[in-house]
Amino acid sequence: ATPSHLRHPTGCVLQGHDFDLPPLA
């Protein structure tokens, strides 16, 4: 649907987002 937004005929959706996050574990 977009470069980081996928759709499947069954209705499933897979998206990706990146965020500005501190490098903590």
PDB file of all heavy atoms in Angstrom:
ATOM      1  N   ALA A   1       0.850  -1.185   0.000  1.00  0.00           N
ATOM      2  CA  ALA A   1       0.000   0.000   0.000  1.00  0.00           C
ATOM      3  C   ALA A   1       0.893   1.244   0.000  1.00  0.00           C
ATOM      4  O   ALA A   1       0.615   2.236  -0.671  1.00  0.00           O
ATOM      5  CB  ALA A   1      -0.910   0.000   1.221  1.00  0.00           C
ATOM      6  N   THR A   2       1.973   1.196   0.766  1.00  0.00           N
ATOM      7  CA  THR A   2       3.054   2.184   0.753  1.00  0.00           C
ATOM      8  C   THR A   2       4.331   1.367   0.896  1.00  0.00           C
ATOM      9  O   THR A   2       4.283   0.162   1.152  1.00  0.00           O
ATOM     10  CB  THR A   2       2.928   3.194   1.920  1.00  0.00           C
ATOM     11  OG1 THR A   2       3.242   2.527   3.150  1.00  0.00           O
ATOM     12  CG2 THR A   2       1.523   3.787   2.000  1.00  0.00           C
ATOM     13  N   PRO A   3       5.513   1.988   0.770  1.00  0.00           N
ATOM     14  CA  PRO A   3       6.743   1.206   0.904  1.00  0.00           C
ATOM     15  C   PRO A   3       6.891   0.451   2.223  1.00  0.00           C
ATOM     16  O   PRO A   3       7.646  -0.516   2.297  1.00  0.00           O
ATOM     17  CB  PRO A   3       7.840   2.274   0.751  1.00  0.00           C
ATOM     18  CG  PRO A   3       7.223   3.303  -0.125  1.00  0.00           C
ATOM     19  CD  PRO A   3       5.789   3.357   0.298  1.00  0.00           C
ATOM     20  N   SER A   4       6.193   0.890   3.274  1.00  0.00           N
ATOM     21  CA  SER A   4       6.313   0.182   4.560  1.00  0.00           C
ATOM     22  C   SER A   4       4.945  -0.197   5.115  1.00  0.00           C
ATOM     23  O   SER A   4       4.765  -0.309   6.318  1.00  0.00           O
ATOM     24  CB  SER A   4       7.066   1.053   5.575  1.00  0.00           C
ATOM     25  OG  SER A   4       6.396   2.282   5.763  1.00  0.00           O
ATOM     26  N   HIS A   5       3.996  -0.439   4.228  1.00  0.00           N
ATOM     27  CA  HIS A   5       2.633  -0.800   4.645  1.00  0.00           C
ATOM     28  C   HIS A   5       2.137  -1.870   3.681  1.00  0.00           C
ATOM     29  O   HIS A   5       1.877  -1.593   2.512  1.00  0.00           O
ATOM     30  CB  HIS A   5       1.744   0.447   4.596  1.00  0.00           C
ATOM     31  CG  HIS A   5       0.355   0.218   5.122  1.00  0.00           C
ATOM     32  ND1 HIS A   5      -0.425   1.238   5.593  1.00  0.00           N
ATOM     33  CD2 HIS A   5      -0.404  -0.905   5.254  1.00  0.00           C
ATOM     34  CE1 HIS A   5      -1.595   0.766   5.984  1.00  0.00           C
ATOM     35  NE2 HIS A   5      -1.597  -0.534   5.778  1.00  0.00           N
ATOM     36  N   LEU A   6       2.018  -3.090   4.181  1.00  0.00           N
ATOM     37  CA  LEU A   6       1.650  -4.229   3.349  1.00  0.00           C
ATOM     38  C   LEU A   6       0.255  -4.721   3.702  1.00  0.00           C
ATOM     39  O   LEU A   6      -0.156  -4.697   4.862  1.00  0.00           O
ATOM     40  CB  LEU A   6       2.646  -5.381   3.547  1.00  0.00           C
ATOM     41  CG  LEU A   6       4.130  -5.058   3.443  1.00  0.00           C
ATOM     42  CD1 LEU A   6       4.951  -6.322   3.643  1.00  0.00           C
ATOM     43  CD2 LEU A   6       4.460  -4.419   2.122  1.00  0.00           C
ATOM     44  N   ARG A   7      -0.466  -5.197   2.672  1.00  0.00           N
ATOM     45  CA  ARG A   7      -1.803  -5.757   2.868  1.00  0.00           C
ATOM     46  C   ARG A   7      -1.877  -7.146   2.242  1.00  0.00           C
ATOM     47  O   ARG A   7      -1.254  -7.399   1.209  1.00  0.00           O
ATOM     48  CB  ARG A   7      -2.875  -4.859   2.244  1.00  0.00           C
ATOM     49  CG  ARG A   7      -3.060  -3.529   2.961  1.00  0.00           C
ATOM     50  CD  ARG A   7      -4.242  -2.758   2.394  1.00  0.00           C
ATOM     51  NE  ARG A   7      -4.441  -1.515   3.113  1.00  0.00           N
ATOM     52  CZ  ARG A   7      -5.143  -1.404   4.237  1.00  0.00           C
ATOM     53  NH1 ARG A   7      -5.704  -2.488   4.756  1.00  0.00           N
ATOM     54  NH2 ARG A   7      -5.283  -0.245   4.844  1.00  0.00           N
ATOM     55  N   HIS A   8      -2.667  -8.022   2.874  1.00  0.00           N
ATOM     56  CA  HIS A   8      -2.849  -9.384   2.399  1.00  0.00           C
ATOM     57  C   HIS A   8      -4.321  -9.602   2.060  1.00  0.00           C
ATOM     58  O   HIS A   8      -5.207  -9.000   2.690  1.00  0.00           O
ATOM     59  CB  HIS A   8      -2.402 -10.375   3.478  1.00  0.00           C
ATOM     60  CG  HIS A   8      -2.218 -11.768   2.990  1.00  0.00           C
ATOM     61  ND1 HIS A   8      -3.227 -12.716   3.026  1.00  0.00           N
ATOM     62  CD2 HIS A   8      -1.131 -12.386   2.428  1.00  0.00           C
ATOM     63  CE1 HIS A   8      -2.773 -13.848   2.524  1.00  0.00           C
ATOM     64  NE2 HIS A   8      -1.514 -13.686   2.156  1.00  0.00           N
ATOM     65  N   PRO A   9      -4.631 -10.446   1.055  1.00  0.00           N
ATOM     66  CA  PRO A   9      -6.037 -10.689   0.696  1.00  0.00           C
ATOM     67  C   PRO A   9      -6.900 -11.185   1.854  1.00  0.00           C
ATOM     68  O   PRO A   9      -8.118 -11.005   1.843  1.00  0.00           O
ATOM     69  CB  PRO A   9      -5.937 -11.749  -0.402  1.00  0.00           C
ATOM     70  CG  PRO A   9      -4.594 -11.556  -1.001  1.00  0.00           C
ATOM     71  CD  PRO A   9      -3.705 -11.127   0.128  1.00  0.00           C
ATOM     72  N   THR A  10      -6.293 -11.790   2.877  1.00  0.00           N
ATOM     73  CA  THR A  10      -7.057 -12.277   4.024  1.00  0.00           C
ATOM     74  C   THR A  10      -7.471 -11.142   4.967  1.00  0.00           C
ATOM     75  O   THR A  10      -8.226 -11.371   5.911  1.00  0.00           O
ATOM     76  CB  THR A  10      -6.235 -13.294   4.825  1.00  0.00           C
ATOM     77  OG1 THR A  10      -5.027 -12.655   5.279  1.00  0.00           O
ATOM     78  CG2 THR A  10      -5.892 -14.506   3.978  1.00  0.00           C
ATOM     79  N   GLY A  11      -6.956  -9.937   4.716  1.00  0.00           N
ATOM     80  CA  GLY A  11      -7.248  -8.803   5.585  1.00  0.00           C
ATOM     81  C   GLY A  11      -6.122  -8.458   6.531  1.00  0.00           C
ATOM     82  O   GLY A  11      -6.183  -7.440   7.230  1.00  0.00           O
ATOM     83  N   CYS A  12      -5.089  -9.287   6.595  1.00  0.00           N
ATOM     84  CA  CYS A  12      -3.957  -9.008   7.472  1.00  0.00           C
ATOM     85  C   CYS A  12      -3.188  -7.785   6.974  1.00  0.00           C
ATOM     86  O   CYS A  12      -3.096  -7.526   5.775  1.00  0.00           O
ATOM     87  CB  CYS A  12      -3.022 -10.211   7.538  1.00  0.00           C
ATOM     88  SG  CYS A  12      -3.774 -11.678   8.280  1.00  0.00           S
ATOM     89  N   VAL A  13      -2.633  -7.053   7.916  1.00  0.00           N
ATOM     90  CA  VAL A  13      -1.874  -5.841   7.606  1.00  0.00           C
ATOM     91  C   VAL A  13      -0.546  -5.883   8.358  1.00  0.00           C
ATOM     92  O   VAL A  13      -0.485  -6.304   9.518  1.00  0.00           O
ATOM     93  CB  VAL A  13      -2.659  -4.572   8.000  1.00  0.00           C
ATOM     94  CG1 VAL A  13      -1.799  -3.324   7.859  1.00  0.00           C
ATOM     95  CG2 VAL A  13      -3.927  -4.446   7.156  1.00  0.00           C
ATOM     96  N   LEU A  14       0.512  -5.445   7.683  1.00  0.00           N
ATOM     97  CA  LEU A  14       1.845  -5.355   8.275  1.00  0.00           C
ATOM     98  C   LEU A  14       2.387  -3.969   7.975  1.00  0.00           C
ATOM     99  O   LEU A  14       2.456  -3.560   6.811  1.00  0.00           O
ATOM    100  CB  LEU A  14       2.752  -6.436   7.687  1.00  0.00           C
ATOM    101  CG  LEU A  14       4.227  -6.442   8.078  1.00  0.00           C
ATOM    102  CD1 LEU A  14       4.386  -6.644   9.582  1.00  0.00           C
ATOM    103  CD2 LEU A  14       4.964  -7.546   7.329  1.00  0.00           C
ATOM    104  N   GLN A  15       2.736  -3.244   9.032  1.00  0.00           N
ATOM    105  CA  GLN A  15       3.250  -1.887   8.865  1.00  0.00           C
ATOM    106  C   GLN A  15       4.597  -1.743   9.554  1.00  0.00           C
ATOM    107  O   GLN A  15       4.922  -2.511  10.455  1.00  0.00           O
ATOM    108  CB  GLN A  15       2.292  -0.863   9.469  1.00  0.00           C
ATOM    109  CG  GLN A  15       0.905  -0.823   8.868  1.00  0.00           C
ATOM    110  CD  GLN A  15       0.076   0.276   9.480  1.00  0.00           C
ATOM    111  OE1 GLN A  15       0.475   1.433   9.537  1.00  0.00           O
ATOM    112  NE2 GLN A  15      -1.094  -0.090   9.972  1.00  0.00           N
ATOM    113  N   GLY A  16       5.344  -0.736   9.148  1.00  0.00           N
ATOM    114  CA  GLY A  16       6.611  -0.434   9.797  1.00  0.00           C
ATOM    115  C   GLY A  16       6.701   1.050  10.109  1.00  0.00           C
ATOM    116  O   GLY A  16       6.271   1.883   9.315  1.00  0.00           O
ATOM    117  N   HIS A  17       7.228   1.376  11.274  1.00  0.00           N
ATOM    118  CA  HIS A  17       7.441   2.766  11.676  1.00  0.00           C
ATOM    119  C   HIS A  17       8.771   2.855  12.398  1.00  0.00           C
ATOM    120  O   HIS A  17       9.132   1.959  13.169  1.00  0.00           O
ATOM    121  CB  HIS A  17       6.340   3.241  12.623  1.00  0.00           C
ATOM    122  CG  HIS A  17       5.035   3.534  11.953  1.00  0.00           C
ATOM    123  ND1 HIS A  17       4.756   4.738  11.339  1.00  0.00           N
ATOM    124  CD2 HIS A  17       3.938   2.766  11.787  1.00  0.00           C
ATOM    125  CE1 HIS A  17       3.540   4.703  10.837  1.00  0.00           C
ATOM    126  NE2 HIS A  17       3.019   3.515  11.089  1.00  0.00           N
ATOM    127  N   ASP A  18       9.497   3.936  12.152  1.00  0.00           N
ATOM    128  CA  ASP A  18      10.689   4.163  12.969  1.00  0.00           C
ATOM    129  C   ASP A  18      10.480   5.401  13.833  1.00  0.00           C
ATOM    130  O   ASP A  18       9.714   6.296  13.499  1.00  0.00           O
ATOM    131  CB  ASP A  18      11.963   4.258  12.130  1.00  0.00           C
ATOM    132  CG  ASP A  18      11.903   5.331  11.052  1.00  0.00           C
ATOM    133  OD1 ASP A  18      10.975   6.151  11.084  1.00  0.00           O
ATOM    134  OD2 ASP A  18      12.780   5.339  10.189  1.00  0.00           O
ATOM    135  N   PHE A  19      11.137   5.388  14.979  1.00  0.00           N
ATOM    136  CA  PHE A  19      10.980   6.436  15.972  1.00  0.00           C
ATOM    137  C   PHE A  19      12.355   6.852  16.483  1.00  0.00           C
ATOM    138  O   PHE A  19      13.309   6.066  16.459  1.00  0.00           O
ATOM    139  CB  PHE A  19      10.130   5.953  17.153  1.00  0.00           C
ATOM    140  CG  PHE A  19       8.709   5.613  16.804  1.00  0.00           C
ATOM    141  CD1 PHE A  19       8.358   4.318  16.451  1.00  0.00           C
ATOM    142  CD2 PHE A  19       7.725   6.585  16.833  1.00  0.00           C
ATOM    143  CE1 PHE A  19       7.047   3.996  16.135  1.00  0.00           C
ATOM    144  CE2 PHE A  19       6.408   6.274  16.509  1.00  0.00           C
ATOM    145  CZ  PHE A  19       6.069   4.979  16.159  1.00  0.00           C
ATOM    146  N   ASP A  20      12.426   8.073  16.957  1.00  0.00           N
ATOM    147  CA  ASP A  20      13.665   8.574  17.548  1.00  0.00           C
ATOM    148  C   ASP A  20      13.741   8.085  18.987  1.00  0.00           C
ATOM    149  O   ASP A  20      13.141   8.667  19.888  1.00  0.00           O
ATOM    150  CB  ASP A  20      13.682  10.102  17.491  1.00  0.00           C
ATOM    151  CG  ASP A  20      15.016  10.682  17.937  1.00  0.00           C
ATOM    152  OD1 ASP A  20      15.994   9.910  18.050  1.00  0.00           O
ATOM    153  OD2 ASP A  20      15.082  11.909  18.185  1.00  0.00           O
ATOM    154  N   LEU A  21      14.460   6.988  19.199  1.00  0.00           N
ATOM    155  CA  LEU A  21      14.500   6.342  20.507  1.00  0.00           C
ATOM    156  C   LEU A  21      15.924   6.318  21.048  1.00  0.00           C
ATOM    157  O   LEU A  21      16.882   6.105  20.288  1.00  0.00           O
ATOM    158  CB  LEU A  21      13.993   4.898  20.404  1.00  0.00           C
ATOM    159  CG  LEU A  21      12.597   4.698  19.796  1.00  0.00           C
ATOM    160  CD1 LEU A  21      12.308   3.206  19.653  1.00  0.00           C
ATOM    161  CD2 LEU A  21      11.538   5.377  20.640  1.00  0.00           C
ATOM    162  N   PRO A  22      16.099   6.507  22.353  1.00  0.00           N
ATOM    163  CA  PRO A  22      17.443   6.411  22.937  1.00  0.00           C
ATOM    164  C   PRO A  22      17.929   4.961  22.921  1.00  0.00           C
ATOM    165  O   PRO A  22      17.137   4.028  23.039  1.00  0.00           O
ATOM    166  CB  PRO A  22      17.244   6.906  24.372  1.00  0.00           C
ATOM    167  CG  PRO A  22      15.797   6.667  24.659  1.00  0.00           C
ATOM    168  CD  PRO A  22      15.078   6.852  23.352  1.00  0.00           C
ATOM    169  N   PRO A  23      19.238   4.758  22.777  1.00  0.00           N
ATOM    170  CA  PRO A  23      19.798   3.389  22.709  1.00  0.00           C
ATOM    171  C   PRO A  23      19.924   2.761  24.085  1.00  0.00           C
ATOM    172  O   PRO A  23      21.022   2.668  24.650  1.00  0.00           O
ATOM    173  CB  PRO A  23      21.164   3.615  22.053  1.00  0.00           C
ATOM    174  CG  PRO A  23      21.555   4.997  22.485  1.00  0.00           C
ATOM    175  CD  PRO A  23      20.276   5.789  22.572  1.00  0.00           C
ATOM    176  N   LEU A  24      18.799   2.295  24.627  1.00  0.00           N
ATOM    177  CA  LEU A  24      18.790   1.703  25.959  1.00  0.00           C
ATOM    178  C   LEU A  24      18.339   0.254  25.888  1.00  0.00           C
ATOM    179  O   LEU A  24      17.553  -0.115  25.019  1.00  0.00           O
ATOM    180  CB  LEU A  24      17.843   2.486  26.879  1.00  0.00           C
ATOM    181  CG  LEU A  24      18.248   3.920  27.225  1.00  0.00           C
ATOM    182  CD1 LEU A  24      17.086   4.654  27.886  1.00  0.00           C
ATOM    183  CD2 LEU A  24      19.465   3.918  28.147  1.00  0.00           C
ATOM    184  N   ALA A  25      18.833  -0.555  26.814  1.00  0.00           N
ATOM    185  CA  ALA A  25      18.422  -1.961  26.905  1.00  0.00           C
ATOM    186  C   ALA A  25      18.141  -2.284  28.365  1.00  0.00           C
ATOM    187  O   ALA A  25      18.994  -2.067  29.232  1.00  0.00           O
ATOM    188  CB  ALA A  25      19.506  -2.875  26.366  1.00  0.00           C
TER     189      ALA A  25
END
